[in-house]
Amino acid sequence: MGGIGSGARRSAHIGNIEEMVALDIRTLRRLGIVAPGECIIDTLHWSIGGLSTASTRLRVDLSDIERGGIVAITGEMPDGAIKQNVAVEMVPSPFGGHRCYFICPVRGQRCEVIYYAGGRFGSREAQNLSYAVQSMNDVSRARRKTAKLRNRLCGSGGQPRPRGRNRIETVRRLREAEFEAKTLYLDRLRALADRSGSRWMPGDWP
């Protein structure tokens, strides 16, 4: 017989993706660094709180569309120098052009984002990373959703600000998220007040 928790599923996650240096092939394509049929060299910088944390030089060779391409990564990461090649697969799009994917160097699977951990880039699964939301309670998740929608309206994170119908829809979703976050917070306060025997309940104003 096993001891307490012997049958529990153990987590091997070593961190959250939000805390990691990452390469998103969709963002690189919007910046013009990833361009099927071309070979481009550029430099990327990462920063946290305005302080530089990493800098890499990318050589993205996609000149042979049929055979795929390669991204050569060299530079200085938080734990030392890196020199790594990551394959890129270009899949024809039904509407014309190509959609690009990284091929994870560890698992050999397609992915659009690779994360730096343990001295190399790899997919989320290969790096044993989790999402921050997985360890949040319902109130924290609701607040995180609200913050993301506010940032979306401001166009932060390199994303363009929504316009027209998209902006109207984003504002609607933000108001719903704010209402949900406030409701969950008040419900939790009411539950705490009820357990403590308090006669005053949050939301009961004089």
C-alpha atoms as a PDB file:
ATOM      1  CA  MET A   1       0.000   0.000   0.000  1.00  0.00           C
ATOM      2  CA  GLY A   2       1.228   3.452  -0.789  1.00  0.00           C
ATOM      3  CA  GLY A   3       1.445   6.371   1.535  1.00  0.00           C
ATOM      4  CA  ILE A   4      -0.570   9.577   1.523  1.00  0.00           C
ATOM      5  CA  GLY A   5      -0.719  11.015  -1.984  1.00  0.00           C
ATOM      6  CA  SER A   6       0.982   7.998  -3.524  1.00  0.00           C
ATOM      7  CA  GLY A   7      -1.696   7.827  -6.210  1.00  0.00           C
ATOM      8  CA  ALA A   8      -1.753  11.549  -6.922  1.00  0.00           C
ATOM      9  CA  ARG A   9      -0.671  12.855 -10.272  1.00  0.00           C
ATOM     10  CA  ARG A  10       2.596  14.731  -9.949  1.00  0.00           C
ATOM     11  CA  SER A  11       3.287  17.887 -11.947  1.00  0.00           C
ATOM     12  CA  ALA A  12       6.635  18.262 -13.670  1.00  0.00           C
ATOM     13  CA  HIS A  13       6.012  21.873 -14.715  1.00  0.00           C
ATOM     14  CA  ILE A  14       9.040  24.061 -14.076  1.00  0.00           C
ATOM     15  CA  GLY A  15       7.483  27.484 -14.658  1.00  0.00           C
ATOM     16  CA  ASN A  16       4.847  29.623 -16.363  1.00  0.00           C
ATOM     17  CA  ILE A  17       5.051  30.621 -20.015  1.00  0.00           C
ATOM     18  CA  GLU A  18       4.348  34.245 -19.086  1.00  0.00           C
ATOM     19  CA  GLU A  19       7.702  34.362 -17.263  1.00  0.00           C
ATOM     20  CA  MET A  20       9.776  32.954 -20.121  1.00  0.00           C
ATOM     21  CA  VAL A  21      11.658  34.473 -23.052  1.00  0.00           C
ATOM     22  CA  ALA A  22       9.745  33.354 -26.143  1.00  0.00           C
ATOM     23  CA  LEU A  23       9.787  33.507 -29.932  1.00  0.00           C
ATOM     24  CA  ASP A  24       6.351  33.748 -31.545  1.00  0.00           C
ATOM     25  CA  ILE A  25       6.525  33.035 -35.267  1.00  0.00           C
ATOM     26  CA  ARG A  26       3.289  35.000 -35.868  1.00  0.00           C
ATOM     27  CA  THR A  27       4.789  38.121 -34.276  1.00  0.00           C
ATOM     28  CA  LEU A  28       8.042  37.653 -36.188  1.00  0.00           C
ATOM     29  CA  ARG A  29       6.056  37.474 -39.407  1.00  0.00           C
ATOM     30  CA  ARG A  30       4.179  40.693 -38.619  1.00  0.00           C
ATOM     31  CA  LEU A  31       7.534  42.370 -37.978  1.00  0.00           C
ATOM     32  CA  GLY A  32       8.789  41.185 -41.365  1.00  0.00           C
ATOM     33  CA  ILE A  33      11.512  38.968 -39.888  1.00  0.00           C
ATOM     34  CA  VAL A  34       9.809  35.773 -41.085  1.00  0.00           C
ATOM     35  CA  ALA A  35       9.091  36.067 -44.809  1.00  0.00           C
ATOM     36  CA  PRO A  36       8.658  32.991 -47.058  1.00  0.00           C
ATOM     37  CA  GLY A  37      11.044  33.155 -50.005  1.00  0.00           C
ATOM     38  CA  GLU A  38      13.538  35.449 -48.258  1.00  0.00           C
ATOM     39  CA  CYS A  39      16.565  35.294 -45.975  1.00  0.00           C
ATOM     40  CA  ILE A  40      16.526  37.964 -43.262  1.00  0.00           C
ATOM     41  CA  ILE A  41      18.915  38.804 -40.424  1.00  0.00           C
ATOM     42  CA  ASP A  42      17.750  40.851 -37.446  1.00  0.00           C
ATOM     43  CA  THR A  43      18.296  41.327 -33.719  1.00  0.00           C
ATOM     44  CA  LEU A  44      15.713  40.863 -30.981  1.00  0.00           C
ATOM     45  CA  HIS A  45      15.787  42.213 -27.434  1.00  0.00           C
ATOM     46  CA  TRP A  46      13.693  41.153 -24.447  1.00  0.00           C
ATOM     47  CA  SER A  47      13.128  43.263 -21.346  1.00  0.00           C
ATOM     48  CA  ILE A  48      11.245  42.988 -18.056  1.00  0.00           C
ATOM     49  CA  GLY A  49      10.289  46.153 -16.225  1.00  0.00           C
ATOM     50  CA  GLY A  50      12.312  48.196 -18.665  1.00  0.00           C
ATOM     51  CA  LEU A  51      15.513  46.240 -17.952  1.00  0.00           C
ATOM     52  CA  SER A  52      17.142  44.216 -20.729  1.00  0.00           C
ATOM     53  CA  THR A  53      17.147  40.463 -19.994  1.00  0.00           C
ATOM     54  CA  ALA A  54      18.239  38.882 -23.277  1.00  0.00           C
ATOM     55  CA  SER A  55      19.405  39.716 -26.796  1.00  0.00           C
ATOM     56  CA  THR A  56      19.685  37.387 -29.783  1.00  0.00           C
ATOM     57  CA  ARG A  57      20.607  37.629 -33.445  1.00  0.00           C
ATOM     58  CA  LEU A  58      18.276  35.756 -35.772  1.00  0.00           C
ATOM     59  CA  ARG A  59      19.117  34.542 -39.237  1.00  0.00           C
ATOM     60  CA  VAL A  60      15.833  33.400 -40.790  1.00  0.00           C
ATOM     61  CA  ASP A  61      16.443  31.601 -44.078  1.00  0.00           C
ATOM     62  CA  LEU A  62      13.153  30.745 -45.814  1.00  0.00           C
ATOM     63  CA  SER A  63      14.465  31.151 -49.348  1.00  0.00           C
ATOM     64  CA  ASP A  64      13.502  27.571 -50.315  1.00  0.00           C
ATOM     65  CA  ILE A  65       9.744  27.443 -49.775  1.00  0.00           C
ATOM     66  CA  GLU A  66       9.371  23.820 -50.879  1.00  0.00           C
ATOM     67  CA  ARG A  67      12.009  22.401 -48.527  1.00  0.00           C
ATOM     68  CA  GLY A  68      11.280  24.640 -45.554  1.00  0.00           C
ATOM     69  CA  GLY A  69      13.695  26.852 -43.695  1.00  0.00           C
ATOM     70  CA  ILE A  70      15.822  27.368 -40.650  1.00  0.00           C
ATOM     71  CA  VAL A  71      16.112  29.962 -37.886  1.00  0.00           C
ATOM     72  CA  ALA A  72      19.653  30.321 -36.554  1.00  0.00           C
ATOM     73  CA  ILE A  73      19.645  31.802 -33.035  1.00  0.00           C
ATOM     74  CA  THR A  74      22.810  33.244 -31.490  1.00  0.00           C
ATOM     75  CA  GLY A  75      23.208  35.643 -28.604  1.00  0.00           C
ATOM     76  CA  GLU A  76      23.241  36.165 -24.859  1.00  0.00           C
ATOM     77  CA  MET A  77      20.460  34.738 -22.705  1.00  0.00           C
ATOM     78  CA  PRO A  78      19.956  35.209 -18.935  1.00  0.00           C
ATOM     79  CA  ASP A  79      22.007  32.074 -18.151  1.00  0.00           C
ATOM     80  CA  GLY A  80      24.667  32.344 -20.844  1.00  0.00           C
ATOM     81  CA  ALA A  81      25.319  32.246 -24.565  1.00  0.00           C
ATOM     82  CA  ILE A  82      23.082  30.377 -27.007  1.00  0.00           C
ATOM     83  CA  LYS A  83      23.695  28.956 -30.459  1.00  0.00           C
ATOM     84  CA  GLN A  84      20.755  26.936 -31.771  1.00  0.00           C
ATOM     85  CA  ASN A  85      19.061  26.140 -35.068  1.00  0.00           C
ATOM     86  CA  VAL A  86      15.287  25.648 -35.243  1.00  0.00           C
ATOM     87  CA  ALA A  87      13.610  24.259 -38.358  1.00  0.00           C
ATOM     88  CA  VAL A  88      10.637  26.067 -39.929  1.00  0.00           C
ATOM     89  CA  GLU A  89       7.908  24.344 -41.943  1.00  0.00           C
ATOM     90  CA  MET A  90       5.877  26.347 -44.460  1.00  0.00           C
ATOM     91  CA  VAL A  91       2.401  24.968 -45.102  1.00  0.00           C
ATOM     92  CA  PRO A  92       0.427  26.225 -48.132  1.00  0.00           C
ATOM     93  CA  SER A  93      -2.652  28.196 -47.115  1.00  0.00           C
ATOM     94  CA  PRO A  94      -5.981  27.489 -48.852  1.00  0.00           C
ATOM     95  CA  PHE A  95      -6.324  31.244 -49.425  1.00  0.00           C
ATOM     96  CA  GLY A  96      -2.856  31.619 -50.919  1.00  0.00           C
ATOM     97  CA  GLY A  97       0.571  32.088 -49.421  1.00  0.00           C
ATOM     98  CA  HIS A  98       2.040  29.966 -46.643  1.00  0.00           C
ATOM     99  CA  ARG A  99       1.579  29.518 -42.925  1.00  0.00           C
ATOM    100  CA  CYS A 100       4.815  29.074 -40.982  1.00  0.00           C
ATOM    101  CA  TYR A 101       5.502  26.835 -37.997  1.00  0.00           C
ATOM    102  CA  PHE A 102       8.525  26.156 -35.844  1.00  0.00           C
ATOM    103  CA  ILE A 103       9.454  22.480 -35.567  1.00  0.00           C
ATOM    104  CA  CYS A 104      10.227  21.847 -31.889  1.00  0.00           C
ATOM    105  CA  PRO A 105      13.863  20.665 -31.672  1.00  0.00           C
ATOM    106  CA  VAL A 106      12.938  18.313 -28.815  1.00  0.00           C
ATOM    107  CA  ARG A 107       9.593  16.759 -29.773  1.00  0.00           C
ATOM    108  CA  GLY A 108       9.582  17.342 -33.531  1.00  0.00           C
ATOM    109  CA  GLN A 109       6.077  18.817 -33.481  1.00  0.00           C
ATOM    110  CA  ARG A 110       4.722  21.950 -35.109  1.00  0.00           C
ATOM    111  CA  CYS A 111       4.342  24.953 -32.830  1.00  0.00           C
ATOM    112  CA  GLU A 112       3.935  28.690 -33.283  1.00  0.00           C
ATOM    113  CA  VAL A 113       5.744  29.686 -30.082  1.00  0.00           C
ATOM    114  CA  ILE A 114       8.995  28.353 -28.650  1.00  0.00           C
ATOM    115  CA  TYR A 115      10.210  29.151 -25.123  1.00  0.00           C
ATOM    116  CA  TYR A 116      13.695  29.449 -23.690  1.00  0.00           C
ATOM    117  CA  ALA A 117      14.483  27.223 -20.693  1.00  0.00           C
ATOM    118  CA  GLY A 118      17.424  25.068 -19.726  1.00  0.00           C
ATOM    119  CA  GLY A 119      19.752  26.599 -22.304  1.00  0.00           C
ATOM    120  CA  ARG A 120      17.558  25.977 -25.366  1.00  0.00           C
ATOM    121  CA  PHE A 121      14.340  26.923 -27.131  1.00  0.00           C
ATOM    122  CA  GLY A 122      11.519  24.395 -27.384  1.00  0.00           C
ATOM    123  CA  SER A 123       7.743  24.016 -27.347  1.00  0.00           C
ATOM    124  CA  ARG A 124       5.732  24.504 -24.160  1.00  0.00           C
ATOM    125  CA  GLU A 125       5.328  20.764 -23.739  1.00  0.00           C
ATOM    126  CA  ALA A 126       9.024  20.063 -24.309  1.00  0.00           C
ATOM    127  CA  GLN A 127      10.001  22.670 -21.725  1.00  0.00           C
ATOM    128  CA  ASN A 128       7.415  21.427 -19.174  1.00  0.00           C
ATOM    129  CA  LEU A 129       5.825  24.860 -18.859  1.00  0.00           C
ATOM    130  CA  SER A 130       2.335  25.669 -17.648  1.00  0.00           C
ATOM    131  CA  TYR A 131      -0.014  28.630 -17.992  1.00  0.00           C
ATOM    132  CA  ALA A 132      -0.188  31.045 -15.047  1.00  0.00           C
ATOM    133  CA  VAL A 133      -3.982  30.792 -15.144  1.00  0.00           C
ATOM    134  CA  GLN A 134      -3.775  27.120 -14.145  1.00  0.00           C
ATOM    135  CA  SER A 135      -2.706  28.077 -10.612  1.00  0.00           C
ATOM    136  CA  MET A 136      -5.167  30.980 -10.238  1.00  0.00           C
ATOM    137  CA  ASN A 137      -8.509  31.015  -8.449  1.00  0.00           C
ATOM    138  CA  ASP A 138     -11.688  32.185 -10.162  1.00  0.00           C
ATOM    139  CA  VAL A 139     -11.279  35.810  -9.016  1.00  0.00           C
ATOM    140  CA  SER A 140      -7.665  36.008 -10.215  1.00  0.00           C
ATOM    141  CA  ARG A 141      -8.601  34.503 -13.582  1.00  0.00           C
ATOM    142  CA  ALA A 142     -11.427  37.014 -14.014  1.00  0.00           C
ATOM    143  CA  ARG A 143      -9.123  39.926 -13.150  1.00  0.00           C
ATOM    144  CA  ARG A 144      -6.465  38.621 -15.539  1.00  0.00           C
ATOM    145  CA  LYS A 145      -9.050  38.433 -18.325  1.00  0.00           C
ATOM    146  CA  THR A 146     -10.087  42.029 -17.609  1.00  0.00           C
ATOM    147  CA  ALA A 147      -6.468  43.239 -17.716  1.00  0.00           C
ATOM    148  CA  LYS A 148      -5.825  41.483 -21.033  1.00  0.00           C
ATOM    149  CA  LEU A 149      -8.884  43.095 -22.619  1.00  0.00           C
ATOM    150  CA  ARG A 150      -7.829  46.545 -21.349  1.00  0.00           C
ATOM    151  CA  ASN A 151      -4.371  46.021 -22.846  1.00  0.00           C
ATOM    152  CA  ARG A 152      -6.008  44.896 -26.085  1.00  0.00           C
ATOM    153  CA  LEU A 153      -7.954  48.176 -26.279  1.00  0.00           C
ATOM    154  CA  CYS A 154      -4.755  50.163 -25.685  1.00  0.00           C
ATOM    155  CA  GLY A 155      -2.864  48.210 -28.327  1.00  0.00           C
ATOM    156  CA  SER A 156      -0.101  47.181 -25.921  1.00  0.00           C
ATOM    157  CA  GLY A 157       2.223  44.237 -26.527  1.00  0.00           C
ATOM    158  CA  GLY A 158       2.823  45.148 -30.156  1.00  0.00           C
ATOM    159  CA  GLN A 159      -0.794  44.466 -31.130  1.00  0.00           C
ATOM    160  CA  PRO A 160      -2.714  47.060 -33.171  1.00  0.00           C
ATOM    161  CA  ARG A 161      -5.611  48.774 -31.435  1.00  0.00           C
ATOM    162  CA  PRO A 162      -8.982  47.344 -32.507  1.00  0.00           C
ATOM    163  CA  ARG A 163     -11.130  49.522 -34.737  1.00  0.00           C
ATOM    164  CA  GLY A 164     -14.738  49.646 -35.841  1.00  0.00           C
ATOM    165  CA  ARG A 165     -16.788  46.563 -34.983  1.00  0.00           C
ATOM    166  CA  ASN A 166     -13.789  44.875 -33.386  1.00  0.00           C
ATOM    167  CA  ARG A 167     -13.401  47.745 -30.916  1.00  0.00           C
ATOM    168  CA  ILE A 168     -17.122  47.712 -30.093  1.00  0.00           C
ATOM    169  CA  GLU A 169     -16.957  43.956 -29.464  1.00  0.00           C
ATOM    170  CA  THR A 170     -13.819  44.299 -27.322  1.00  0.00           C
ATOM    171  CA  VAL A 171     -15.453  47.029 -25.203  1.00  0.00           C
ATOM    172  CA  ARG A 172     -18.518  44.799 -24.723  1.00  0.00           C
ATOM    173  CA  ARG A 173     -16.355  41.865 -23.638  1.00  0.00           C
ATOM    174  CA  LEU A 174     -14.392  44.131 -21.263  1.00  0.00           C
ATOM    175  CA  ARG A 175     -17.567  45.346 -19.549  1.00  0.00           C
ATOM    176  CA  GLU A 176     -18.768  41.770 -19.150  1.00  0.00           C
ATOM    177  CA  ALA A 177     -15.380  40.730 -17.738  1.00  0.00           C
ATOM    178  CA  GLU A 178     -15.354  43.650 -15.279  1.00  0.00           C
ATOM    179  CA  PHE A 179     -18.855  42.740 -14.096  1.00  0.00           C
ATOM    180  CA  GLU A 180     -17.865  39.078 -13.718  1.00  0.00           C
ATOM    181  CA  ALA A 181     -14.717  39.944 -11.744  1.00  0.00           C
ATOM    182  CA  LYS A 182     -16.650  42.245  -9.400  1.00  0.00           C
ATOM    183  CA  THR A 183     -19.415  39.681  -8.882  1.00  0.00           C
ATOM    184  CA  LEU A 184     -16.954  36.878  -8.080  1.00  0.00           C
ATOM    185  CA  TYR A 185     -15.069  39.127  -5.663  1.00  0.00           C
ATOM    186  CA  LEU A 186     -18.237  40.159  -3.818  1.00  0.00           C
ATOM    187  CA  ASP A 187     -19.435  36.553  -3.685  1.00  0.00           C
ATOM    188  CA  ARG A 188     -16.169  35.534  -2.074  1.00  0.00           C
ATOM    189  CA  LEU A 189     -16.391  38.369   0.460  1.00  0.00           C
ATOM    190  CA  ARG A 190     -19.980  37.374   1.298  1.00  0.00           C
ATOM    191  CA  ALA A 191     -18.879  33.779   1.848  1.00  0.00           C
ATOM    192  CA  LEU A 192     -16.098  34.923   4.176  1.00  0.00           C
ATOM    193  CA  ALA A 193     -18.471  37.227   6.070  1.00  0.00           C
ATOM    194  CA  ASP A 194     -21.014  34.411   6.407  1.00  0.00           C
ATOM    195  CA  ARG A 195     -18.440  32.024   7.865  1.00  0.00           C
ATOM    196  CA  SER A 196     -17.243  34.672  10.307  1.00  0.00           C
ATOM    197  CA  GLY A 197     -20.783  35.316  11.536  1.00  0.00           C
ATOM    198  CA  SER A 198     -20.735  38.949  10.469  1.00  0.00           C
ATOM    199  CA  ARG A 199     -24.179  40.564  10.182  1.00  0.00           C
ATOM    200  CA  TRP A 200     -22.978  43.014   7.545  1.00  0.00           C
ATOM    201  CA  MET A 201     -22.668  41.629   4.035  1.00  0.00           C
ATOM    202  CA  PRO A 202     -20.566  43.159   1.246  1.00  0.00           C
ATOM    203  CA  GLY A 203     -22.798  45.018  -1.136  1.00  0.00           C
ATOM    204  CA  ASP A 204     -25.311  45.920   1.606  1.00  0.00           C
ATOM    205  CA  TRP A 205     -24.908  49.676   1.667  1.00  0.00           C
ATOM    206  CA  PRO A 206     -26.738  51.892   4.182  1.00  0.00           C
END
